[in-house]
Structure formats: C-alpha cells, structure tokens
C-alpha cells in the first residue's frame, strides 16, 4: 500500500485563438514573465522549438522562487542513416532546455515563427500512488494508476528505466513537475502510416542506440495531426531542483 500524491491529469485540445497568458499550455509562442533569449541547440546551432509552459505555483507548488517553466527542444539534425544526432532525449545534453522564470508581473509574448499551434490543457485532479513504475515489486494495479497522459504532478510514467536527473548544482535528485505526451491531437490514425514497421530505436553494432523520431518517417497528414518528437509515441518529463538552486530545469524523453 502506497501513499497517494497530488496529480492533475490534462485533457489537451487545440485552442481556437492564441493563448497569451502565463498558464499551462503546449505549443504556440511562449508567454514569458521575464525577458529571456530563446535557446539554441548547443550541438547543431538551430533555434529550439517551443514545446510548452508550465506554472510552478498552481495548481501545485513546485518552487518558492520561480513562477513558470518553459520547455524547448531542438528540432533535430539527422545523419545519413536517419539517426538523430542531437541528443534531445537526454537531460542537460544541450539539445533541450527548461527555462525557469520569476514572475515580474508582465506577459512578454515571443516574436518570430512557431512550429506548433496553441493547445489548451484542462486539468482534473486524479491523485496517483507514490511509486516508481520501474520497480518490479509494485503490483500491476498500482502501476496502472499512474497516468501516461499529459499531467502536472504525480510520478513519472517511465517507459524505460528511472532516469530522474540530479541537480547540476547541489547534486540531489530533482523534483518531477510534469509529463507531456508526444501526441497533443491524440493517437495518429493507423491508416496514415507508411508500410514500414515503426521502430523506436535504430541499432548498430558499432555505435550506441540512437532513438529515431517520427519526423524521420513519412505519413499522410490529411488529418492534420501534430506530434512532439519524443521518439515513437514517447513521453517527455520535466524536472526542477527542489532547492531552487538554478534557473534551469531538466527535460528528457523516453519511448517504448
């Protein structure tokens, strides 16, 4: 029997109009509460795509110092084998960024193009058991209570191993803030895939495994589905330091 912790699971829908306030949202343009330069990938130099923004004060308080977290990720550079060179899946790789900001009482909407439309996220409180889903000792019933949807709080629904990052300043395990599903429009209809059997990883005897994102495969976009490049129907995980050591959070993603 495990204690339950607060979790707010999201219902994600496309917004009719751009969202111009500092609320939990995915896509669109970031609504900053302080001035900041949007990040570039440290490996390939491309401008990172804005993935979403997350309040750190409500509905759950994750930080005494910071009000908002802004998630960015490199669109990716692919090698001749269609493998992803930029390690977007790894925390602190330089190919993703989580910018934390204190609230200075102003909404600064970023200029320039954006890759994704705005998605609003409606939250429902659904507490989860405080478990590590990778622990083989927990029951299937308990593991099934951990949502794999977009959510704030709760525990990570790890698809592989537990990869909770350590704060680069104090060295302590970072606090889990949010989980983001790769498919804000819901699952892509089966008839829009090409004939190639999807594979979340490309293996080579001479090199480490490199996740392959869906942007390296063709599909029929007739249904106008968007997806975040978290491998093959993956999940993204956002963390902050529980001690507010740094104005940088951590992000990583996994796929099954």
C-alpha atoms as a PDB file:
ATOM      1  CA  UNK A   1       0.000   0.000   0.000  1.00  0.00           C
ATOM      2  CA  UNK A   2       1.446   3.359  -1.056  1.00  0.00           C
ATOM      3  CA  UNK A   3       0.527   6.904  -0.137  1.00  0.00           C
ATOM      4  CA  UNK A   4      -1.077   8.875  -2.943  1.00  0.00           C
ATOM      5  CA  UNK A   5       0.278  12.218  -4.078  1.00  0.00           C
ATOM      6  CA  UNK A   6      -1.439  15.041  -5.899  1.00  0.00           C
ATOM      7  CA  UNK A   7      -1.653  14.809  -9.656  1.00  0.00           C
ATOM      8  CA  UNK A   8      -3.594  16.815 -12.228  1.00  0.00           C
ATOM      9  CA  UNK A   9      -4.155  14.970 -15.496  1.00  0.00           C
ATOM     10  CA  UNK A  10      -4.700  17.079 -18.596  1.00  0.00           C
ATOM     11  CA  UNK A  11      -7.193  16.988 -21.426  1.00  0.00           C
ATOM     12  CA  UNK A  12      -5.392  18.607 -24.348  1.00  0.00           C
ATOM     13  CA  UNK A  13      -7.289  20.381 -27.132  1.00  0.00           C
ATOM     14  CA  UNK A  14      -6.375  22.829 -29.863  1.00  0.00           C
ATOM     15  CA  UNK A  15      -7.091  26.402 -28.880  1.00  0.00           C
ATOM     16  CA  UNK A  16      -9.254  28.453 -31.247  1.00  0.00           C
ATOM     17  CA  UNK A  17      -7.165  31.554 -30.548  1.00  0.00           C
ATOM     18  CA  UNK A  18      -3.540  32.023 -29.434  1.00  0.00           C
ATOM     19  CA  UNK A  19      -3.083  31.702 -25.674  1.00  0.00           C
ATOM     20  CA  UNK A  20      -1.481  34.923 -24.441  1.00  0.00           C
ATOM     21  CA  UNK A  21      -1.266  34.379 -20.683  1.00  0.00           C
ATOM     22  CA  UNK A  22       1.118  32.567 -18.348  1.00  0.00           C
ATOM     23  CA  UNK A  23      -0.893  29.358 -17.957  1.00  0.00           C
ATOM     24  CA  UNK A  24      -0.181  25.696 -18.628  1.00  0.00           C
ATOM     25  CA  UNK A  25      -0.230  25.252 -22.377  1.00  0.00           C
ATOM     26  CA  UNK A  26       1.510  23.354 -25.141  1.00  0.00           C
ATOM     27  CA  UNK A  27       2.718  24.782 -28.442  1.00  0.00           C
ATOM     28  CA  UNK A  28       2.120  28.283 -29.747  1.00  0.00           C
ATOM     29  CA  UNK A  29       4.500  31.004 -28.593  1.00  0.00           C
ATOM     30  CA  UNK A  30       5.936  31.204 -25.083  1.00  0.00           C
ATOM     31  CA  UNK A  31       4.399  33.833 -22.817  1.00  0.00           C
ATOM     32  CA  UNK A  32       7.359  34.872 -20.691  1.00  0.00           C
ATOM     33  CA  UNK A  33       7.060  36.650 -17.344  1.00  0.00           C
ATOM     34  CA  UNK A  34      10.630  37.984 -17.628  1.00  0.00           C
ATOM     35  CA  UNK A  35      12.877  38.864 -20.542  1.00  0.00           C
ATOM     36  CA  UNK A  36      14.926  35.981 -21.938  1.00  0.00           C
ATOM     37  CA  UNK A  37      16.638  34.953 -25.144  1.00  0.00           C
ATOM     38  CA  UNK A  38      15.164  31.807 -26.628  1.00  0.00           C
ATOM     39  CA  UNK A  39      17.708  28.975 -26.630  1.00  0.00           C
ATOM     40  CA  UNK A  40      19.666  27.408 -29.478  1.00  0.00           C
ATOM     41  CA  UNK A  41      20.867  23.822 -29.672  1.00  0.00           C
ATOM     42  CA  UNK A  42      24.426  23.589 -28.378  1.00  0.00           C
ATOM     43  CA  UNK A  43      25.245  20.834 -30.890  1.00  0.00           C
ATOM     44  CA  UNK A  44      23.799  21.993 -34.234  1.00  0.00           C
ATOM     45  CA  UNK A  45      23.061  25.668 -33.524  1.00  0.00           C
ATOM     46  CA  UNK A  46      19.418  25.548 -34.629  1.00  0.00           C
ATOM     47  CA  UNK A  47      16.761  27.530 -32.805  1.00  0.00           C
ATOM     48  CA  UNK A  48      14.934  25.237 -30.429  1.00  0.00           C
ATOM     49  CA  UNK A  49      11.211  24.595 -30.842  1.00  0.00           C
ATOM     50  CA  UNK A  50       8.939  25.759 -28.039  1.00  0.00           C
ATOM     51  CA  UNK A  51       7.094  22.755 -26.601  1.00  0.00           C
ATOM     52  CA  UNK A  52       5.142  24.218 -23.701  1.00  0.00           C
ATOM     53  CA  UNK A  53       4.993  26.249 -20.499  1.00  0.00           C
ATOM     54  CA  UNK A  54       4.132  25.054 -17.004  1.00  0.00           C
ATOM     55  CA  UNK A  55       3.090  27.072 -13.916  1.00  0.00           C
ATOM     56  CA  UNK A  56       5.186  26.267 -10.859  1.00  0.00           C
ATOM     57  CA  UNK A  57       2.869  27.841  -8.250  1.00  0.00           C
ATOM     58  CA  UNK A  58      -0.556  26.450  -9.144  1.00  0.00           C
ATOM     59  CA  UNK A  59      -2.296  24.000  -9.069  1.00  0.00           C
ATOM     60  CA  UNK A  60       0.756  22.564  -7.287  1.00  0.00           C
ATOM     61  CA  UNK A  61       3.632  24.480  -5.731  1.00  0.00           C
ATOM     62  CA  UNK A  62       6.957  23.254  -7.073  1.00  0.00           C
ATOM     63  CA  UNK A  63       9.093  26.301  -6.338  1.00  0.00           C
ATOM     64  CA  UNK A  64       9.280  29.156  -3.844  1.00  0.00           C
ATOM     65  CA  UNK A  65      11.357  31.250  -6.225  1.00  0.00           C
ATOM     66  CA  UNK A  66      10.165  30.563  -9.757  1.00  0.00           C
ATOM     67  CA  UNK A  67       6.696  31.047 -11.247  1.00  0.00           C
ATOM     68  CA  UNK A  68       6.955  29.429 -14.680  1.00  0.00           C
ATOM     69  CA  UNK A  69       8.904  26.768 -16.563  1.00  0.00           C
ATOM     70  CA  UNK A  70       9.362  26.957 -20.350  1.00  0.00           C
ATOM     71  CA  UNK A  71      10.307  23.858 -22.312  1.00  0.00           C
ATOM     72  CA  UNK A  72      12.297  23.970 -25.556  1.00  0.00           C
ATOM     73  CA  UNK A  73      13.776  21.221 -27.713  1.00  0.00           C
ATOM     74  CA  UNK A  74      15.981  21.119 -30.801  1.00  0.00           C
ATOM     75  CA  UNK A  75      14.053  20.131 -33.962  1.00  0.00           C
ATOM     76  CA  UNK A  76      16.877  17.675 -34.584  1.00  0.00           C
ATOM     77  CA  UNK A  77      19.633  17.114 -37.072  1.00  0.00           C
ATOM     78  CA  UNK A  78      19.703  13.719 -38.761  1.00  0.00           C
ATOM     79  CA  UNK A  79      22.681  11.784 -40.071  1.00  0.00           C
ATOM     80  CA  UNK A  80      22.792   9.790 -43.307  1.00  0.00           C
ATOM     81  CA  UNK A  81      21.303   6.762 -41.514  1.00  0.00           C
ATOM     82  CA  UNK A  82      18.351   8.900 -40.454  1.00  0.00           C
ATOM     83  CA  UNK A  83      19.574   8.773 -36.880  1.00  0.00           C
ATOM     84  CA  UNK A  84      19.129  11.755 -34.607  1.00  0.00           C
ATOM     85  CA  UNK A  85      22.477  13.464 -33.933  1.00  0.00           C
ATOM     86  CA  UNK A  86      21.227  15.942 -31.338  1.00  0.00           C
ATOM     87  CA  UNK A  87      20.550  14.145 -28.059  1.00  0.00           C
ATOM     88  CA  UNK A  88      17.134  15.662 -27.426  1.00  0.00           C
ATOM     89  CA  UNK A  89      16.173  12.707 -25.222  1.00  0.00           C
ATOM     90  CA  UNK A  90      18.871  13.325 -22.628  1.00  0.00           C
ATOM     91  CA  UNK A  91      18.736  15.781 -19.723  1.00  0.00           C
ATOM     92  CA  UNK A  92      21.363  18.558 -19.854  1.00  0.00           C
ATOM     93  CA  UNK A  93      22.530  17.442 -23.316  1.00  0.00           C
ATOM     94  CA  UNK A  94      22.325  20.973 -24.728  1.00  0.00           C
ATOM     95  CA  UNK A  95      19.678  19.821 -27.225  1.00  0.00           C
ATOM     96  CA  UNK A  96      16.785  20.785 -24.944  1.00  0.00           C
ATOM     97  CA  UNK A  97      16.196  23.430 -22.300  1.00  0.00           C
ATOM     98  CA  UNK A  98      13.871  24.181 -19.391  1.00  0.00           C
ATOM     99  CA  UNK A  99      13.995  27.885 -18.550  1.00  0.00           C
ATOM    100  CA  UNK A 100      12.646  28.908 -15.131  1.00  0.00           C
ATOM    101  CA  UNK A 101      11.440  32.459 -14.551  1.00  0.00           C
ATOM    102  CA  UNK A 102      10.429  34.562 -11.585  1.00  0.00           C
ATOM    103  CA  UNK A 103       7.184  36.486 -12.048  1.00  0.00           C
ATOM    104  CA  UNK A 104       7.885  40.124 -12.857  1.00  0.00           C
ATOM    105  CA  UNK A 105       4.228  40.878 -13.498  1.00  0.00           C
ATOM    106  CA  UNK A 106       4.281  41.160 -17.264  1.00  0.00           C
ATOM    107  CA  UNK A 107       3.419  38.927 -20.176  1.00  0.00           C
ATOM    108  CA  UNK A 108       6.038  39.001 -22.923  1.00  0.00           C
ATOM    109  CA  UNK A 109       4.961  37.053 -25.990  1.00  0.00           C
ATOM    110  CA  UNK A 110       7.889  35.825 -28.047  1.00  0.00           C
ATOM    111  CA  UNK A 111       8.250  37.092 -31.596  1.00  0.00           C
ATOM    112  CA  UNK A 112       9.046  35.059 -34.673  1.00  0.00           C
ATOM    113  CA  UNK A 113       7.691  31.797 -36.108  1.00  0.00           C
ATOM    114  CA  UNK A 114       6.493  28.857 -34.070  1.00  0.00           C
ATOM    115  CA  UNK A 115       6.205  25.218 -35.085  1.00  0.00           C
ATOM    116  CA  UNK A 116       3.078  24.196 -33.206  1.00  0.00           C
ATOM    117  CA  UNK A 117      -0.382  25.676 -32.771  1.00  0.00           C
ATOM    118  CA  UNK A 118      -1.608  26.521 -29.275  1.00  0.00           C
ATOM    119  CA  UNK A 119      -3.057  23.725 -27.163  1.00  0.00           C
ATOM    120  CA  UNK A 120      -5.017  24.408 -24.014  1.00  0.00           C
ATOM    121  CA  UNK A 121      -4.795  21.927 -21.164  1.00  0.00           C
ATOM    122  CA  UNK A 122      -7.757  21.365 -18.855  1.00  0.00           C
ATOM    123  CA  UNK A 123      -6.719  19.690 -15.625  1.00  0.00           C
ATOM    124  CA  UNK A 124      -8.552  17.157 -13.473  1.00  0.00           C
ATOM    125  CA  UNK A 125      -7.277  16.187 -10.034  1.00  0.00           C
ATOM    126  CA  UNK A 126      -6.509  12.465 -10.011  1.00  0.00           C
ATOM    127  CA  UNK A 127      -4.067  11.529  -7.210  1.00  0.00           C
ATOM    128  CA  UNK A 128      -1.560   8.794  -8.006  1.00  0.00           C
ATOM    129  CA  UNK A 129       0.267   6.237  -5.838  1.00  0.00           C
ATOM    130  CA  UNK A 130       3.756   7.410  -4.929  1.00  0.00           C
ATOM    131  CA  UNK A 131       5.540   4.571  -6.712  1.00  0.00           C
ATOM    132  CA  UNK A 132       8.382   4.002  -9.123  1.00  0.00           C
ATOM    133  CA  UNK A 133       6.716   2.212 -12.043  1.00  0.00           C
ATOM    134  CA  UNK A 134      10.038   0.566 -12.936  1.00  0.00           C
ATOM    135  CA  UNK A 135      10.132  -1.228  -9.569  1.00  0.00           C
ATOM    136  CA  UNK A 136       9.187  -4.854 -10.211  1.00  0.00           C
ATOM    137  CA  UNK A 137       7.917  -5.190  -6.641  1.00  0.00           C
ATOM    138  CA  UNK A 138       4.865  -2.972  -7.171  1.00  0.00           C
ATOM    139  CA  UNK A 139       1.614  -4.531  -8.321  1.00  0.00           C
ATOM    140  CA  UNK A 140       0.117  -4.147 -11.788  1.00  0.00           C
ATOM    141  CA  UNK A 141      -2.877  -2.488 -10.151  1.00  0.00           C
ATOM    142  CA  UNK A 142      -0.702   0.213  -8.602  1.00  0.00           C
ATOM    143  CA  UNK A 143       1.295   0.751 -11.784  1.00  0.00           C
ATOM    144  CA  UNK A 144      -1.925   1.104 -13.788  1.00  0.00           C
ATOM    145  CA  UNK A 145      -2.967   4.060 -11.600  1.00  0.00           C
ATOM    146  CA  UNK A 146      -0.021   6.109 -12.913  1.00  0.00           C
ATOM    147  CA  UNK A 147      -1.256   8.113 -15.897  1.00  0.00           C
ATOM    148  CA  UNK A 148       0.665   8.130 -19.183  1.00  0.00           C
ATOM    149  CA  UNK A 149      -1.186  11.279 -20.279  1.00  0.00           C
ATOM    150  CA  UNK A 150      -0.026  14.885 -20.127  1.00  0.00           C
ATOM    151  CA  UNK A 151      -0.112  15.859 -16.456  1.00  0.00           C
ATOM    152  CA  UNK A 152       1.234  18.060 -13.681  1.00  0.00           C
ATOM    153  CA  UNK A 153       2.482  16.336 -10.543  1.00  0.00           C
ATOM    154  CA  UNK A 154       2.115  12.694  -9.689  1.00  0.00           C
ATOM    155  CA  UNK A 155       5.007  10.430 -10.653  1.00  0.00           C
ATOM    156  CA  UNK A 156       6.707   9.786 -13.987  1.00  0.00           C
ATOM    157  CA  UNK A 157       5.192   7.005 -16.084  1.00  0.00           C
ATOM    158  CA  UNK A 158       8.625   5.790 -17.132  1.00  0.00           C
ATOM    159  CA  UNK A 159       8.601   3.865 -20.399  1.00  0.00           C
ATOM    160  CA  UNK A 160      12.122   2.560 -19.860  1.00  0.00           C
ATOM    161  CA  UNK A 161      14.289   2.942 -16.748  1.00  0.00           C
ATOM    162  CA  UNK A 162      14.028   5.526 -13.977  1.00  0.00           C
ATOM    163  CA  UNK A 163      16.145   8.426 -15.239  1.00  0.00           C
ATOM    164  CA  UNK A 164      15.411  11.046 -12.593  1.00  0.00           C
ATOM    165  CA  UNK A 165      18.157  13.656 -13.130  1.00  0.00           C
ATOM    166  CA  UNK A 166      20.349  15.122 -10.413  1.00  0.00           C
ATOM    167  CA  UNK A 167      20.582  18.879  -9.950  1.00  0.00           C
ATOM    168  CA  UNK A 168      23.865  20.087 -11.514  1.00  0.00           C
ATOM    169  CA  UNK A 169      24.363  22.476  -8.586  1.00  0.00           C
ATOM    170  CA  UNK A 170      23.501  20.560  -5.393  1.00  0.00           C
ATOM    171  CA  UNK A 171      23.599  17.019  -6.779  1.00  0.00           C
ATOM    172  CA  UNK A 172      20.264  15.987  -5.257  1.00  0.00           C
ATOM    173  CA  UNK A 173      17.545  14.190  -7.245  1.00  0.00           C
ATOM    174  CA  UNK A 174      15.360  16.750  -9.000  1.00  0.00           C
ATOM    175  CA  UNK A 175      11.627  17.102  -8.390  1.00  0.00           C
ATOM    176  CA  UNK A 176       9.216  15.806 -11.012  1.00  0.00           C
ATOM    177  CA  UNK A 177       6.944  18.571 -12.303  1.00  0.00           C
ATOM    178  CA  UNK A 178       5.149  17.451 -15.434  1.00  0.00           C
ATOM    179  CA  UNK A 179       4.762  14.825 -18.104  1.00  0.00           C
ATOM    180  CA  UNK A 180       3.938  15.602 -21.734  1.00  0.00           C
ATOM    181  CA  UNK A 181       2.501  13.169 -24.247  1.00  0.00           C
ATOM    182  CA  UNK A 182       4.016  13.249 -27.732  1.00  0.00           C
ATOM    183  CA  UNK A 183       0.567  13.375 -29.363  1.00  0.00           C
ATOM    184  CA  UNK A 184      -1.381  16.506 -28.380  1.00  0.00           C
ATOM    185  CA  UNK A 185      -4.007  15.708 -31.035  1.00  0.00           C
ATOM    186  CA  UNK A 186      -4.386  12.150 -29.815  1.00  0.00           C
ATOM    187  CA  UNK A 187      -3.181   8.939 -31.492  1.00  0.00           C
ATOM    188  CA  UNK A 188      -2.445   9.153 -35.203  1.00  0.00           C
ATOM    189  CA  UNK A 189      -4.954   7.037 -37.204  1.00  0.00           C
ATOM    190  CA  UNK A 190      -3.443   3.718 -38.245  1.00  0.00           C
ATOM    191  CA  UNK A 191      -4.139   4.218 -41.967  1.00  0.00           C
ATOM    192  CA  UNK A 192      -1.883   7.287 -42.121  1.00  0.00           C
ATOM    193  CA  UNK A 193       1.338   5.344 -41.519  1.00  0.00           C
ATOM    194  CA  UNK A 194       3.511   4.111 -44.356  1.00  0.00           C
ATOM    195  CA  UNK A 195       4.156   0.430 -44.875  1.00  0.00           C
ATOM    196  CA  UNK A 196       7.346   0.409 -42.824  1.00  0.00           C
ATOM    197  CA  UNK A 197       7.014  -1.178 -39.404  1.00  0.00           C
ATOM    198  CA  UNK A 198       7.696   1.545 -36.817  1.00  0.00           C
ATOM    199  CA  UNK A 199      10.787   1.142 -34.697  1.00  0.00           C
ATOM    200  CA  UNK A 200      11.570   3.369 -31.748  1.00  0.00           C
ATOM    201  CA  UNK A 201      15.304   2.723 -31.985  1.00  0.00           C
ATOM    202  CA  UNK A 202      17.839   2.051 -34.718  1.00  0.00           C
ATOM    203  CA  UNK A 203      20.577  -0.304 -33.621  1.00  0.00           C
ATOM    204  CA  UNK A 204      24.095  -0.578 -34.953  1.00  0.00           C
ATOM    205  CA  UNK A 205      26.751  -2.992 -33.724  1.00  0.00           C
ATOM    206  CA  UNK A 206      29.424  -0.309 -33.754  1.00  0.00           C
ATOM    207  CA  UNK A 207      27.567   2.580 -32.146  1.00  0.00           C
ATOM    208  CA  UNK A 208      25.243   3.168 -29.189  1.00  0.00           C
ATOM    209  CA  UNK A 209      21.490   3.034 -29.707  1.00  0.00           C
ATOM    210  CA  UNK A 210      20.064   6.258 -31.142  1.00  0.00           C
ATOM    211  CA  UNK A 211      16.329   6.956 -30.942  1.00  0.00           C
ATOM    212  CA  UNK A 212      14.680   7.750 -34.277  1.00  0.00           C
ATOM    213  CA  UNK A 213      11.874  10.287 -34.226  1.00  0.00           C
ATOM    214  CA  UNK A 214       8.737  10.239 -36.295  1.00  0.00           C
ATOM    215  CA  UNK A 215       9.953  13.242 -38.270  1.00  0.00           C
ATOM    216  CA  UNK A 216      12.344  10.816 -39.977  1.00  0.00           C
ATOM    217  CA  UNK A 217       9.389   8.801 -41.349  1.00  0.00           C
ATOM    218  CA  UNK A 218       6.689   9.718 -43.835  1.00  0.00           C
ATOM    219  CA  UNK A 219       2.995   9.832 -43.064  1.00  0.00           C
ATOM    220  CA  UNK A 220      -0.172  11.218 -44.630  1.00  0.00           C
ATOM    221  CA  UNK A 221      -1.011  14.487 -42.872  1.00  0.00           C
ATOM    222  CA  UNK A 222      -4.616  14.582 -44.097  1.00  0.00           C
ATOM    223  CA  UNK A 223      -5.889  14.636 -40.511  1.00  0.00           C
ATOM    224  CA  UNK A 224      -3.539  17.478 -39.528  1.00  0.00           C
ATOM    225  CA  UNK A 225      -2.150  15.675 -36.504  1.00  0.00           C
ATOM    226  CA  UNK A 226       0.768  17.248 -34.699  1.00  0.00           C
ATOM    227  CA  UNK A 227       3.316  15.442 -32.570  1.00  0.00           C
ATOM    228  CA  UNK A 228       6.304  16.288 -30.438  1.00  0.00           C
ATOM    229  CA  UNK A 229       9.474  14.468 -31.422  1.00  0.00           C
ATOM    230  CA  UNK A 230       9.690  12.142 -28.424  1.00  0.00           C
ATOM    231  CA  UNK A 231      10.586   9.039 -30.415  1.00  0.00           C
ATOM    232  CA  UNK A 232       7.832   6.555 -31.265  1.00  0.00           C
ATOM    233  CA  UNK A 233       4.808   7.783 -29.276  1.00  0.00           C
ATOM    234  CA  UNK A 234       7.002   8.780 -26.349  1.00  0.00           C
ATOM    235  CA  UNK A 235       6.624  10.801 -23.192  1.00  0.00           C
ATOM    236  CA  UNK A 236       8.554  13.870 -22.068  1.00  0.00           C
ATOM    237  CA  UNK A 237       9.432  14.526 -18.418  1.00  0.00           C
ATOM    238  CA  UNK A 238      10.117  17.912 -16.781  1.00  0.00           C
ATOM    239  CA  UNK A 239      12.022  18.377 -13.509  1.00  0.00           C
ATOM    240  CA  UNK A 240      13.187  21.252 -11.290  1.00  0.00           C
ATOM    241  CA  UNK A 241      15.555  21.427  -8.335  1.00  0.00           C
ATOM    242  CA  UNK A 242      13.610  21.138  -5.079  1.00  0.00           C
ATOM    243  CA  UNK A 243      16.012  23.673  -3.519  1.00  0.00           C
ATOM    244  CA  UNK A 244      15.680  26.262  -6.321  1.00  0.00           C
ATOM    245  CA  UNK A 245      19.450  26.020  -6.875  1.00  0.00           C
ATOM    246  CA  UNK A 246      19.324  27.041 -10.518  1.00  0.00           C
ATOM    247  CA  UNK A 247      17.115  28.793 -13.062  1.00  0.00           C
ATOM    248  CA  UNK A 248      17.418  25.792 -15.359  1.00  0.00           C
ATOM    249  CA  UNK A 249      15.186  22.780 -15.059  1.00  0.00           C
ATOM    250  CA  UNK A 250      15.735  19.403 -16.690  1.00  0.00           C
ATOM    251  CA  UNK A 251      13.951  17.621 -19.524  1.00  0.00           C
ATOM    252  CA  UNK A 252      14.253  14.174 -21.038  1.00  0.00           C
ATOM    253  CA  UNK A 253      12.051  11.877 -23.053  1.00  0.00           C
ATOM    254  CA  UNK A 254      11.591   8.148 -23.463  1.00  0.00           C
ATOM    255  CA  UNK A 255       9.794   5.915 -25.929  1.00  0.00           C
ATOM    256  CA  UNK A 256       8.802   2.268 -25.709  1.00  0.00           C
END
